[in-house]
Amino acid sequence: FGSRRLVAARAAGSESFVDSMRAVLVAVCCAPATAALIGEPNSHRFVEYRPSEFEQNWTKETHVGKLCQTAHVQVRDAIKWLNYSRDVFVPKGQPARPPTAAEEQVLSHFVDREGNKVYIEPLSGVARNPLALKAVHCDKRVLVPTRGWPTKVRPGSNELFDISYLVVENQCGSRGPKQLNIFFDLGCTVYSSGGNPKPGSDLYTYSAGGSGAGPSIPLFYNLFRDRCIEFDEIYAWEGKPMDPEA
């Protein structure tokens, strides 16, 4: 389930929409399957994207044949990333805390027109939880951070499907009119609420929902709704033909 969402925050005017989709396609080429466009009609909410050094280590040169080596070098920084992402993963309708200075160095972010930063998880060549190295055959151990992580692995849990590394935009507490929110899902399967987490679910339940065993739209819908973002439009695609009347 290694999809990275892109909170592009460029909205649905003609030129800005094209720019948004270009940004989405650039991100999709590198790992993700979903994207959310969150912004004001006919405007560019974000003016800059700043990848962290963690992300640039993957994007500035090829890593063919040394993916595992690079992932191991980044374990300490990955722990800082996950300490933050897991701490804010279940916000329960509350604003996310700001990252510490150490956490901020690892996270990538967008900059809006007022100079505010909106954080997002960095791209990683692992294309999943950056510590899921056993699951991607880079290690024989299950790596566990020293802080902000359960001391015991929950029975039946699978690090391959742990989506707590995602840093989803949080608009709880924001003032002003509601923005236009559009969600794109490439590989959505059939829509159903069965087996998917409800709003306010705990971290483990959300990660179970990221197993790919069920549809992804309810999962992401509730992830964003927990952060006070509700979609005005959802565009979903699945490679297998689907009968909308079935």
Protein backbone atom coordinates (compact mmCIF):
# COMPACT_ATOMS: atom_id res chain seq x y z
CA PHE A 1 0.00 0.00 0.00
CA GLY A 2 2.94 2.30 -0.54
CA SER A 3 1.08 5.35 -1.80
CA ARG A 4 2.27 8.80 -0.91
CA ARG A 5 -0.47 11.43 -1.02
CA LEU A 6 0.28 14.77 -2.51
CA VAL A 7 -1.44 17.69 -0.83
CA ALA A 8 -0.91 20.00 -3.78
CA ALA A 9 -3.30 22.71 -2.64
CA ARG A 10 -3.65 24.22 -6.08
CA ALA A 11 -7.20 24.64 -7.10
CA ALA A 12 -9.70 24.19 -9.83
CA GLY A 13 -9.26 27.14 -12.17
CA SER A 14 -8.09 26.11 -15.64
CA GLU A 15 -4.40 27.06 -15.45
CA SER A 16 -4.01 26.34 -11.76
CA PHE A 17 -5.75 22.99 -12.21
CA VAL A 18 -3.33 22.05 -14.99
CA ASP A 19 -0.40 23.05 -12.80
CA SER A 20 -1.84 20.96 -9.98
CA MET A 21 -2.17 17.88 -12.16
CA ARG A 22 1.38 18.37 -13.41
CA ALA A 23 2.54 18.36 -9.80
CA VAL A 24 0.46 15.24 -9.16
CA LEU A 25 1.95 13.43 -12.16
CA VAL A 26 5.48 14.33 -11.09
CA ALA A 27 4.77 12.81 -7.69
CA VAL A 28 2.93 9.78 -9.09
CA CYS A 29 5.95 8.81 -11.16
CA CYS A 30 7.91 8.40 -7.95
CA ALA A 31 5.51 6.26 -5.85
CA PRO A 32 2.03 7.50 -5.01
CA ALA A 33 -1.45 6.41 -6.01
CA THR A 34 -3.54 9.14 -4.45
CA ALA A 35 -3.58 12.92 -4.43
CA ALA A 36 -5.62 15.64 -2.81
CA LEU A 37 -5.97 19.10 -4.28
CA ILE A 38 -6.82 21.48 -1.48
CA GLY A 39 -7.12 25.17 -2.16
CA GLU A 40 -9.16 28.17 -3.13
CA PRO A 41 -10.85 28.37 -6.55
CA ASN A 42 -8.69 30.04 -9.21
CA SER A 43 -5.74 30.54 -6.89
CA HIS A 44 -2.36 29.06 -6.02
CA ARG A 45 -2.36 28.46 -2.29
CA PHE A 46 1.13 27.00 -2.19
CA VAL A 47 3.96 28.91 -3.84
CA GLU A 48 6.85 26.55 -3.19
CA TYR A 49 7.70 22.93 -2.39
CA ARG A 50 10.84 22.27 -0.35
CA PRO A 51 12.06 18.68 -0.23
CA SER A 52 14.06 17.72 2.84
CA GLU A 53 17.61 16.45 2.64
CA PHE A 54 16.21 13.00 3.43
CA GLU A 55 14.12 13.16 0.24
CA GLN A 56 16.87 14.70 -1.87
CA ASN A 57 19.17 11.83 -0.98
CA TRP A 58 16.80 9.67 -3.02
CA THR A 59 15.99 12.03 -5.86
CA LYS A 60 19.32 13.67 -6.72
CA GLU A 61 20.97 10.45 -7.93
CA THR A 62 20.17 6.88 -8.91
CA HIS A 63 20.08 4.18 -6.23
CA VAL A 64 19.97 1.13 -8.46
CA GLY A 65 21.53 -1.76 -6.59
CA LYS A 66 21.92 0.18 -3.34
CA LEU A 67 18.37 0.84 -2.16
CA CYS A 68 18.85 -1.18 1.02
CA GLN A 69 22.18 0.47 1.74
CA THR A 70 20.69 3.96 1.48
CA ALA A 71 17.67 2.98 3.58
CA HIS A 72 19.92 1.68 6.35
CA VAL A 73 21.99 4.89 6.37
CA GLN A 74 18.76 6.84 6.89
CA VAL A 75 17.35 4.80 9.79
CA ARG A 76 18.12 7.41 12.48
CA ASP A 77 16.42 10.15 10.46
CA ALA A 78 13.52 7.82 9.62
CA ILE A 79 12.95 7.39 13.37
CA LYS A 80 12.64 11.19 13.75
CA TRP A 81 10.14 11.23 10.86
CA LEU A 82 8.04 8.46 12.41
CA ASN A 83 8.17 9.96 15.89
CA TYR A 84 6.31 12.94 14.43
CA SER A 85 3.99 11.19 11.96
CA ARG A 86 2.79 8.66 14.52
CA ASP A 87 2.32 11.31 17.18
CA VAL A 88 -0.09 13.28 14.96
CA PHE A 89 -1.58 10.35 13.03
CA VAL A 90 -4.86 10.22 14.98
CA PRO A 91 -5.67 13.92 15.55
CA LYS A 92 -9.32 13.46 16.63
CA GLY A 93 -10.32 16.81 15.17
CA GLN A 94 -7.47 18.74 16.77
CA PRO A 95 -4.67 20.71 15.06
CA ALA A 96 -1.37 18.89 14.66
CA ARG A 97 1.48 19.94 16.91
CA PRO A 98 4.46 21.58 15.20
CA PRO A 99 7.43 19.29 14.63
CA THR A 100 10.53 19.67 16.78
CA ALA A 101 13.64 21.13 15.15
CA ALA A 102 15.05 17.63 14.63
CA GLU A 103 11.81 16.32 13.14
CA GLU A 104 11.44 19.35 10.86
CA GLN A 105 14.82 18.69 9.26
CA VAL A 106 13.60 15.32 8.00
CA LEU A 107 10.14 16.37 6.80
CA SER A 108 9.48 17.95 3.41
CA HIS A 109 7.03 20.85 3.26
CA PHE A 110 5.02 23.26 1.14
CA VAL A 111 5.13 27.04 1.68
CA ASP A 112 1.91 29.03 1.28
CA ARG A 113 1.45 32.65 0.24
CA GLU A 114 1.79 33.84 3.85
CA GLY A 115 5.05 31.95 4.35
CA ASN A 116 3.51 29.22 6.50
CA LYS A 117 4.83 25.68 6.21
CA VAL A 118 2.60 22.66 5.61
CA TYR A 119 4.51 19.46 6.29
CA ILE A 120 4.39 16.22 4.32
CA GLU A 121 6.35 12.99 4.62
CA PRO A 122 9.47 12.93 2.42
CA LEU A 123 9.73 10.66 -0.58
CA SER A 124 11.69 7.51 0.18
CA GLY A 125 13.02 4.79 -2.07
CA VAL A 126 11.44 2.23 0.26
CA ALA A 127 8.07 3.61 -0.98
CA ARG A 128 6.45 2.45 2.25
CA ASN A 129 7.09 2.89 5.94
CA PRO A 130 10.82 3.75 5.87
CA LEU A 131 11.50 1.26 8.66
CA ALA A 132 9.71 -1.64 6.94
CA LEU A 133 13.08 -2.97 5.86
CA LYS A 134 12.35 -6.56 6.79
CA ALA A 135 9.15 -6.46 4.74
CA VAL A 136 11.04 -5.24 1.65
CA HIS A 137 13.85 -7.78 2.20
CA CYS A 138 16.49 -5.27 3.33
CA ASP A 139 16.86 -6.62 6.87
CA LYS A 140 16.11 -9.71 8.93
CA ARG A 141 14.96 -7.62 11.90
CA VAL A 142 11.84 -5.58 12.61
CA LEU A 143 13.20 -2.11 13.32
CA VAL A 144 11.59 -0.27 16.23
CA PRO A 145 12.20 3.43 17.07
CA THR A 146 13.38 4.22 20.57
CA ARG A 147 10.59 6.76 21.19
CA GLY A 148 6.98 7.17 20.08
CA TRP A 149 6.46 3.50 19.18
CA PRO A 150 4.81 0.62 21.07
CA THR A 151 7.29 -1.60 22.89
CA LYS A 152 5.48 -4.68 21.60
CA VAL A 153 4.33 -5.42 18.08
CA ARG A 154 0.59 -5.98 17.98
CA PRO A 155 -0.24 -9.62 17.12
CA GLY A 156 -1.13 -9.95 13.46
CA SER A 157 0.29 -6.54 12.56
CA ASN A 158 2.25 -6.22 9.34
CA GLU A 159 4.86 -3.49 8.94
CA LEU A 160 4.41 -3.69 5.15
CA PHE A 161 0.95 -2.12 5.50
CA ASP A 162 1.74 0.34 8.31
CA ILE A 163 0.68 3.73 6.94
CA SER A 164 1.51 5.73 10.05
CA TYR A 165 4.44 7.25 8.16
CA LEU A 166 2.00 9.48 6.24
CA VAL A 167 1.85 13.15 7.26
CA VAL A 168 -1.59 14.30 6.15
CA GLU A 169 -2.45 18.01 6.04
CA ASN A 170 -4.48 19.13 9.05
CA GLN A 171 -6.84 22.12 8.75
CA CYS A 172 -8.50 21.84 12.15
CA GLY A 173 -8.66 25.25 13.76
CA SER A 174 -8.23 27.06 10.44
CA ARG A 175 -10.32 30.18 9.95
CA GLY A 176 -11.95 31.55 6.84
CA PRO A 177 -14.26 30.10 4.18
CA LYS A 178 -14.15 26.43 3.28
CA GLN A 179 -11.71 25.65 0.49
CA LEU A 180 -12.38 23.50 -2.55
CA ASN A 181 -11.09 19.98 -1.90
CA ILE A 182 -10.72 17.40 -4.70
CA PHE A 183 -9.45 13.85 -4.22
CA PHE A 184 -7.90 11.60 -6.89
CA ASP A 185 -7.40 7.85 -6.33
CA LEU A 186 -5.57 5.72 -8.91
CA GLY A 187 -6.34 2.11 -8.04
CA CYS A 188 -9.42 2.42 -5.85
CA THR A 189 -11.04 -1.06 -6.24
CA VAL A 190 -14.80 -1.11 -5.58
CA TYR A 191 -16.29 1.33 -3.11
CA SER A 192 -17.37 -0.20 0.17
CA SER A 193 -17.15 0.78 3.81
CA GLY A 194 -16.67 -2.79 4.93
CA GLY A 195 -13.42 -3.39 6.80
CA ASN A 196 -12.35 0.25 6.65
CA PRO A 197 -11.60 2.44 9.66
CA LYS A 198 -14.14 4.97 10.85
CA PRO A 199 -13.30 8.59 11.70
CA GLY A 200 -11.30 8.79 14.90
CA SER A 201 -9.91 5.26 14.58
CA ASP A 202 -6.71 4.40 16.39
CA LEU A 203 -3.35 4.07 14.70
CA TYR A 204 -3.46 0.30 14.38
CA THR A 205 -6.96 0.23 12.89
CA TYR A 206 -5.98 2.75 10.24
CA SER A 207 -2.90 0.74 9.33
CA ALA A 208 -5.01 -2.39 9.03
CA GLY A 209 -7.12 -0.44 6.57
CA GLY A 210 -3.99 0.20 4.54
CA SER A 211 -3.49 -3.47 3.77
CA GLY A 212 -4.99 -3.19 0.30
CA ALA A 213 -7.59 -5.80 1.19
CA GLY A 214 -10.38 -3.23 0.89
CA PRO A 215 -11.15 -0.03 -1.04
CA SER A 216 -8.95 2.96 -0.36
CA ILE A 217 -11.49 5.78 -0.75
CA PRO A 218 -13.17 5.32 2.68
CA LEU A 219 -9.73 5.03 4.28
CA PHE A 220 -8.46 8.32 2.87
CA TYR A 221 -11.83 10.04 3.23
CA ASN A 222 -11.77 9.38 6.96
CA LEU A 223 -8.06 10.22 7.30
CA PHE A 224 -8.71 13.67 5.85
CA ARG A 225 -12.04 14.15 7.66
CA ASP A 226 -10.25 13.52 10.96
CA ARG A 227 -8.17 16.55 9.97
CA CYS A 228 -11.20 18.76 9.20
CA ILE A 229 -10.91 18.33 5.41
CA GLU A 230 -13.94 17.01 3.53
CA PHE A 231 -13.84 16.44 -0.22
CA ASP A 232 -16.15 18.29 -2.60
CA GLU A 233 -15.32 15.91 -5.44
CA ILE A 234 -13.71 12.46 -5.65
CA TYR A 235 -12.28 11.03 -8.88
CA ALA A 236 -11.44 7.34 -8.67
CA TRP A 237 -9.86 5.00 -11.22
CA GLU A 238 -9.38 1.25 -11.22
CA GLY A 239 -7.50 -0.78 -13.83
CA LYS A 240 -10.15 -3.50 -13.85
CA PRO A 241 -13.42 -2.48 -15.55
CA MET A 242 -16.15 -1.74 -12.99
CA ASP A 243 -19.91 -1.59 -13.51
CA PRO A 244 -21.18 1.46 -11.60
CA GLU A 245 -24.68 -0.02 -11.59
CA ALA A 246 -23.59 -3.29 -9.99
